[in-house]
Amino acid sequence: MEFSRILGRALTLRGFSLDQIARELRSRGTPVSTSTLSAWQTGLSRPERASSLDAVAALEDILALPPGQLRAALPPRRPRGRRPVSAETAANLRRQWGDDAEAVLRTLAKLDADFSDLALPRPLSYRVRVRVGAHGQELVMHVSRVLTGGPGGATRMIYVTRYARLPQAPLVRMARGCRLARFRGDRDSGVAAFEFLLDPPLRAGAMALAEFSITFPPRQTDHFTSIRIHRGTRDVVLEAVFDDGFTPALCQAFFKESRVLPSKVLRELPGAEAHGHFQYIDFNPSPGIYGIRWE
């Protein structure tokens, strides 16, 4: 019998709610969120990490199941580490990340991910707001995505970016509809990858809003922000908000089909006319790199 069915039947038989189970697991030092338990029960996800397997052993005891019954019902663990990348995927990666492509792949592999995970679950809407400090440096980025689960649903979202400098891990200040699970960075290239667990998990065909704010590491020197848009995104919104005391000479929104091609200016505004912020909005954007720069 499948893991999810054994778990669901045991919960019904014992009369425990998921909240009660989550509290008991927490008291035993093997915490699992209610949303994760729900995903295990419905078969949307399964326990794989060492900490999750410890929680499975505790679940067997709580639910008075024979030792090892739940663990034995789990399918073989999925392969970890770097997965093969198709020629087409590798080409897309090279176009969008250029010289940083190998660093992106190395960093993604530390999260058991590859380039294909960056487009799943598919963002229907992708909105980014960056706060710019008094010296023109990036301070805080707020990211908001409307996600669709597709035919298989989703339990996590991978976000990758690159910092001019990565002396320390960026700080996730806020998250809604998701929570930070792991961060991995490549100090030499500045590539950073965040794994967010969707809370609750996204069911097949469903949609959900996930948003988070990240404080940049200190000593940033770039005067631009950019994101990669994949096929299927319906709208993109980019905004730069400038702190008092900083007025850029010029603001531009730009698009690049790939990292190595020249950029196309989509919108331009003298800084004095920006009145503290600059925006770019597009519907049904073509895949590629969209950004805002300030001089």
Protein backbone atom coordinates (compact mmCIF):
# COMPACT_ATOMS: atom_id res chain seq x y z
CA MET A 1 0.00 0.00 0.00
CA GLU A 2 1.22 3.51 -0.78
CA PHE A 3 2.73 5.70 1.92
CA SER A 4 0.01 8.36 1.59
CA ARG A 5 -2.82 5.82 1.93
CA ILE A 6 -1.30 4.18 5.01
CA LEU A 7 -0.78 7.58 6.60
CA GLY A 8 -4.31 8.76 5.74
CA ARG A 9 -5.95 5.61 7.10
CA ALA A 10 -3.92 5.75 10.32
CA LEU A 11 -4.86 9.38 10.89
CA THR A 12 -8.55 8.57 10.38
CA LEU A 13 -8.38 5.50 12.62
CA ARG A 14 -6.63 7.30 15.48
CA GLY A 15 -8.72 10.45 15.12
CA PHE A 16 -5.75 12.84 15.06
CA SER A 17 -5.86 16.16 13.23
CA LEU A 18 -2.83 17.33 11.28
CA ASP A 19 -2.38 20.19 13.76
CA GLN A 20 -2.20 17.70 16.61
CA ILE A 21 0.32 15.56 14.76
CA ALA A 22 2.45 18.63 13.94
CA ARG A 23 2.49 19.67 17.61
CA GLU A 24 3.46 16.16 18.74
CA LEU A 25 6.26 15.93 16.18
CA ARG A 26 7.56 19.32 17.28
CA SER A 27 7.60 18.21 20.91
CA ARG A 28 9.69 15.19 19.91
CA GLY A 29 12.27 17.29 18.11
CA THR A 30 11.23 16.19 14.60
CA PRO A 31 9.15 19.19 13.42
CA VAL A 32 7.04 18.96 10.26
CA SER A 33 4.61 21.70 9.22
CA THR A 34 0.88 21.04 8.87
CA SER A 35 1.05 21.87 5.16
CA THR A 36 3.84 19.34 4.61
CA LEU A 37 1.89 16.66 6.48
CA SER A 38 -1.09 17.44 4.27
CA ALA A 39 1.09 17.03 1.17
CA TRP A 40 2.33 13.66 2.46
CA GLN A 41 -1.22 12.54 3.19
CA THR A 42 -2.52 13.48 -0.26
CA GLY A 43 0.52 12.15 -2.11
CA LEU A 44 1.55 15.57 -3.44
CA SER A 45 5.00 15.13 -1.91
CA ARG A 46 6.86 12.54 0.11
CA PRO A 47 9.52 12.58 2.84
CA GLU A 48 13.05 12.19 1.51
CA ARG A 49 15.47 14.22 3.61
CA ALA A 50 17.07 12.70 6.71
CA SER A 51 15.09 15.00 9.01
CA SER A 52 11.83 14.03 7.28
CA LEU A 53 12.64 10.32 7.60
CA ASP A 54 13.26 10.84 11.32
CA ALA A 55 9.78 12.35 11.49
CA VAL A 56 8.37 9.28 9.70
CA ALA A 57 9.74 7.05 12.46
CA ALA A 58 8.11 9.31 15.04
CA LEU A 59 4.84 9.19 13.09
CA GLU A 60 4.82 5.40 13.27
CA ASP A 61 5.07 5.61 17.05
CA ILE A 62 2.44 8.35 17.40
CA LEU A 63 -0.02 6.48 15.19
CA ALA A 64 0.75 3.09 16.78
CA LEU A 65 1.90 1.59 13.49
CA PRO A 66 4.37 -1.28 13.29
CA PRO A 67 7.92 0.06 13.25
CA GLY A 68 9.12 0.56 9.69
CA GLN A 69 5.68 0.25 8.03
CA LEU A 70 5.54 3.83 6.74
CA ARG A 71 9.23 3.86 5.79
CA ALA A 72 8.86 0.61 3.83
CA ALA A 73 5.94 2.09 1.85
CA LEU A 74 8.07 4.92 0.48
CA PRO A 75 9.26 4.53 -3.14
CA PRO A 76 13.00 4.48 -3.87
CA ARG A 77 14.64 7.80 -3.15
CA ARG A 78 14.98 10.04 -6.18
CA PRO A 79 18.56 10.57 -7.43
CA ARG A 80 20.38 13.47 -5.82
CA GLY A 81 23.07 15.76 -7.15
CA ARG A 82 23.46 17.18 -10.60
CA ARG A 83 21.00 15.78 -13.11
CA PRO A 84 21.70 15.44 -16.85
CA VAL A 85 20.91 18.60 -18.80
CA SER A 86 19.63 18.30 -22.35
CA ALA A 87 21.40 20.07 -25.19
CA GLU A 88 18.44 22.43 -25.63
CA THR A 89 18.32 23.22 -21.90
CA ALA A 90 22.06 23.79 -21.80
CA ALA A 91 21.78 26.15 -24.76
CA ASN A 92 19.00 28.12 -23.10
CA LEU A 93 21.02 28.33 -19.92
CA ARG A 94 24.08 29.55 -21.77
CA ARG A 95 22.03 32.20 -23.57
CA GLN A 96 20.43 33.55 -20.41
CA TRP A 97 23.38 33.26 -18.01
CA GLY A 98 26.41 33.52 -20.31
CA ASP A 99 29.70 33.07 -18.47
CA ASP A 100 27.85 32.38 -15.21
CA ALA A 101 26.08 29.29 -16.61
CA GLU A 102 28.40 26.76 -15.01
CA ALA A 103 28.22 28.57 -11.66
CA VAL A 104 24.41 28.49 -11.89
CA LEU A 105 24.43 24.75 -12.57
CA ARG A 106 26.85 24.08 -9.70
CA THR A 107 24.73 26.11 -7.31
CA LEU A 108 21.46 24.53 -8.44
CA ALA A 109 22.94 21.06 -7.99
CA LYS A 110 23.42 21.86 -4.29
CA LEU A 111 19.63 22.17 -4.11
CA ASP A 112 19.03 18.95 -6.08
CA ALA A 113 17.88 21.10 -9.00
CA ASP A 114 18.84 22.01 -12.54
CA PHE A 115 17.95 24.74 -15.02
CA SER A 116 14.50 23.27 -15.73
CA ASP A 117 13.52 23.90 -12.09
CA LEU A 118 13.80 27.66 -12.64
CA ALA A 119 10.67 27.62 -14.80
CA LEU A 120 8.62 25.36 -12.49
CA PRO A 121 6.11 26.00 -11.13
CA ARG A 122 5.33 28.34 -14.00
CA PRO A 123 5.00 32.02 -13.07
CA LEU A 124 1.94 33.54 -14.68
CA SER A 125 2.90 36.90 -13.23
CA TYR A 126 6.38 38.06 -12.20
CA ARG A 127 6.76 41.33 -10.28
CA VAL A 128 9.91 42.76 -8.76
CA ARG A 129 10.50 45.93 -6.76
CA VAL A 130 14.01 46.96 -5.75
CA ARG A 131 14.87 49.66 -3.22
CA VAL A 132 17.89 51.74 -4.18
CA GLY A 133 20.02 53.44 -1.53
CA ALA A 134 21.46 56.93 -1.27
CA HIS A 135 24.59 55.93 -3.25
CA GLY A 136 22.70 54.13 -6.00
CA GLN A 137 23.26 50.67 -4.51
CA GLU A 138 20.64 47.91 -4.31
CA LEU A 139 19.31 47.45 -0.78
CA VAL A 140 16.18 45.30 -0.76
CA MET A 141 14.32 43.32 -3.43
CA HIS A 142 10.68 42.28 -3.16
CA VAL A 143 9.56 39.48 -5.49
CA SER A 144 5.95 38.52 -6.13
CA ARG A 145 4.88 35.63 -8.37
CA VAL A 146 1.50 34.18 -9.29
CA LEU A 147 2.23 30.49 -9.83
CA THR A 148 0.32 27.72 -11.57
CA GLY A 149 0.82 24.13 -10.49
CA GLY A 150 0.54 22.51 -13.89
CA PRO A 151 -0.53 18.86 -14.20
CA GLY A 152 1.72 17.64 -11.38
CA GLY A 153 1.38 20.39 -8.80
CA ALA A 154 4.46 21.70 -6.98
CA THR A 155 5.96 21.73 -3.52
CA ARG A 156 8.85 24.16 -4.02
CA MET A 157 10.08 27.15 -6.00
CA ILE A 158 13.72 27.90 -6.89
CA TYR A 159 14.87 31.51 -7.21
CA VAL A 160 18.31 32.31 -8.65
CA THR A 161 19.99 35.68 -8.91
CA ARG A 162 23.49 37.11 -9.11
CA TYR A 163 25.03 39.70 -6.81
CA ALA A 164 27.97 41.95 -7.64
CA ARG A 165 29.48 40.74 -4.35
CA LEU A 166 28.53 37.89 -2.07
CA PRO A 167 30.51 38.38 1.17
CA GLN A 168 27.67 36.83 3.18
CA ALA A 169 24.29 35.21 2.64
CA PRO A 170 21.45 37.57 1.67
CA LEU A 171 18.75 37.85 4.32
CA VAL A 172 15.17 36.80 3.57
CA ARG A 173 13.10 39.30 5.54
CA MET A 174 9.57 38.26 4.59
CA ALA A 175 7.84 35.39 2.84
CA ARG A 176 4.14 34.74 2.17
CA GLY A 177 2.78 31.63 0.50
CA CYS A 178 6.24 30.11 0.82
CA ARG A 179 9.08 29.71 3.32
CA LEU A 180 12.81 29.55 2.88
CA ALA A 181 14.14 25.99 3.11
CA ARG A 182 17.73 26.27 1.84
CA PHE A 183 20.18 28.83 0.46
CA ARG A 184 23.28 28.08 -1.56
CA GLY A 185 25.74 30.58 -2.98
CA ASP A 186 28.84 30.66 -5.16
CA ARG A 187 31.08 33.34 -3.71
CA ASP A 188 33.40 33.62 -6.71
CA SER A 189 30.64 34.31 -9.25
CA GLY A 190 28.09 35.94 -6.93
CA VAL A 191 25.41 33.43 -8.01
CA ALA A 192 22.85 32.75 -5.29
CA ALA A 193 20.04 30.18 -5.24
CA PHE A 194 17.10 30.06 -2.82
CA GLU A 195 14.80 27.08 -2.32
CA PHE A 196 11.35 28.10 -1.07
CA LEU A 197 8.81 25.48 0.01
CA LEU A 198 5.31 26.43 -1.08
CA ASP A 199 2.99 26.72 1.90
CA PRO A 200 0.58 25.11 1.27
CA PRO A 201 1.86 22.95 -1.60
CA LEU A 202 0.41 23.84 -4.98
CA ARG A 203 -2.11 21.31 -6.27
CA ALA A 204 -2.33 20.28 -9.91
CA GLY A 205 -3.99 23.02 -11.97
CA ALA A 206 -4.23 25.39 -8.99
CA MET A 207 -2.83 28.92 -8.73
CA ALA A 208 -1.22 30.68 -5.78
CA LEU A 209 0.59 33.89 -4.86
CA ALA A 210 4.10 33.56 -3.46
CA GLU A 211 6.15 36.58 -2.42
CA PHE A 212 9.32 37.32 -0.49
CA SER A 213 11.74 40.15 0.34
CA ILE A 214 15.53 39.79 0.34
CA THR A 215 18.04 42.22 1.84
CA PHE A 216 21.13 42.43 -0.36
CA PRO A 217 24.58 41.66 1.06
CA PRO A 218 26.61 44.81 1.79
CA ARG A 219 28.84 46.64 -0.68
CA GLN A 220 26.76 46.10 -3.83
CA THR A 221 28.02 48.08 -6.84
CA ASP A 222 25.57 47.26 -9.66
CA HIS A 223 23.23 50.04 -10.77
CA PHE A 224 20.69 47.74 -12.38
CA THR A 225 18.38 44.85 -11.59
CA SER A 226 17.25 42.11 -13.98
CA ILE A 227 15.15 38.95 -14.11
CA ARG A 228 14.84 36.04 -16.51
CA ILE A 229 11.41 35.45 -18.04
CA HIS A 230 10.45 32.02 -19.36
CA ARG A 231 7.78 31.07 -21.86
CA GLY A 232 4.22 31.26 -20.48
CA THR A 233 4.60 34.30 -18.21
CA ARG A 234 1.69 36.66 -18.86
CA ASP A 235 2.90 39.87 -17.26
CA VAL A 236 6.10 41.34 -15.87
CA VAL A 237 6.37 44.39 -13.61
CA LEU A 238 9.71 45.93 -12.66
CA GLU A 239 10.06 48.87 -10.29
CA ALA A 240 13.00 50.74 -8.76
CA VAL A 241 12.26 52.92 -5.72
CA PHE A 242 14.97 55.47 -4.89
CA ASP A 243 15.80 56.57 -1.35
CA ASP A 244 15.67 60.28 -0.50
CA GLY A 245 18.96 61.88 -1.38
CA PHE A 246 19.51 59.89 -4.56
CA THR A 247 18.25 61.13 -7.90
CA PRO A 248 19.56 59.19 -10.90
CA ALA A 249 20.55 61.06 -14.03
CA LEU A 250 18.69 58.57 -16.21
CA CYS A 251 16.43 55.54 -15.79
CA GLN A 252 16.02 52.86 -18.45
CA ALA A 253 14.08 49.64 -18.84
CA PHE A 254 15.79 47.13 -21.12
CA PHE A 255 15.38 43.71 -22.73
CA LYS A 256 17.95 41.18 -23.92
CA GLU A 257 17.17 37.93 -25.70
CA SER A 258 20.33 36.50 -24.18
CA ARG A 259 23.22 37.50 -21.97
CA VAL A 260 25.60 37.95 -24.90
CA LEU A 261 23.34 40.04 -27.16
CA PRO A 262 23.01 43.82 -26.95
CA SER A 263 20.11 45.19 -24.92
CA LYS A 264 17.11 47.00 -26.35
CA VAL A 265 15.84 50.06 -24.48
CA LEU A 266 12.13 49.64 -23.74
CA ARG A 267 11.52 52.83 -21.75
CA GLU A 268 13.64 55.81 -20.77
CA LEU A 269 13.10 58.68 -18.36
CA PRO A 270 15.34 61.43 -16.97
CA GLY A 271 15.88 60.83 -13.26
CA ALA A 272 14.47 64.23 -12.35
CA GLU A 273 11.16 63.18 -13.90
CA ALA A 274 11.04 59.84 -12.10
CA HIS A 275 9.90 61.41 -8.81
CA GLY A 276 11.50 58.74 -6.66
CA HIS A 277 10.59 55.63 -8.63
CA PHE A 278 10.69 54.12 -12.11
CA GLN A 279 8.52 51.32 -13.53
CA TYR A 280 8.27 49.05 -16.52
CA ILE A 281 5.19 46.89 -17.21
CA ASP A 282 4.66 44.43 -20.07
CA PHE A 283 1.99 41.87 -20.94
CA ASN A 284 2.73 38.55 -22.65
CA PRO A 285 6.48 39.24 -22.59
CA SER A 286 8.84 37.35 -24.86
CA PRO A 287 11.26 35.00 -23.06
CA GLY A 288 14.53 36.67 -22.16
CA ILE A 289 16.13 39.09 -19.73
CA TYR A 290 14.21 42.15 -18.52
CA GLY A 291 15.73 44.81 -16.33
CA ILE A 292 15.92 48.37 -15.05
CA ARG A 293 19.10 50.41 -14.80
CA TRP A 294 19.81 53.78 -13.30
CA GLU A 295 22.80 56.05 -13.95
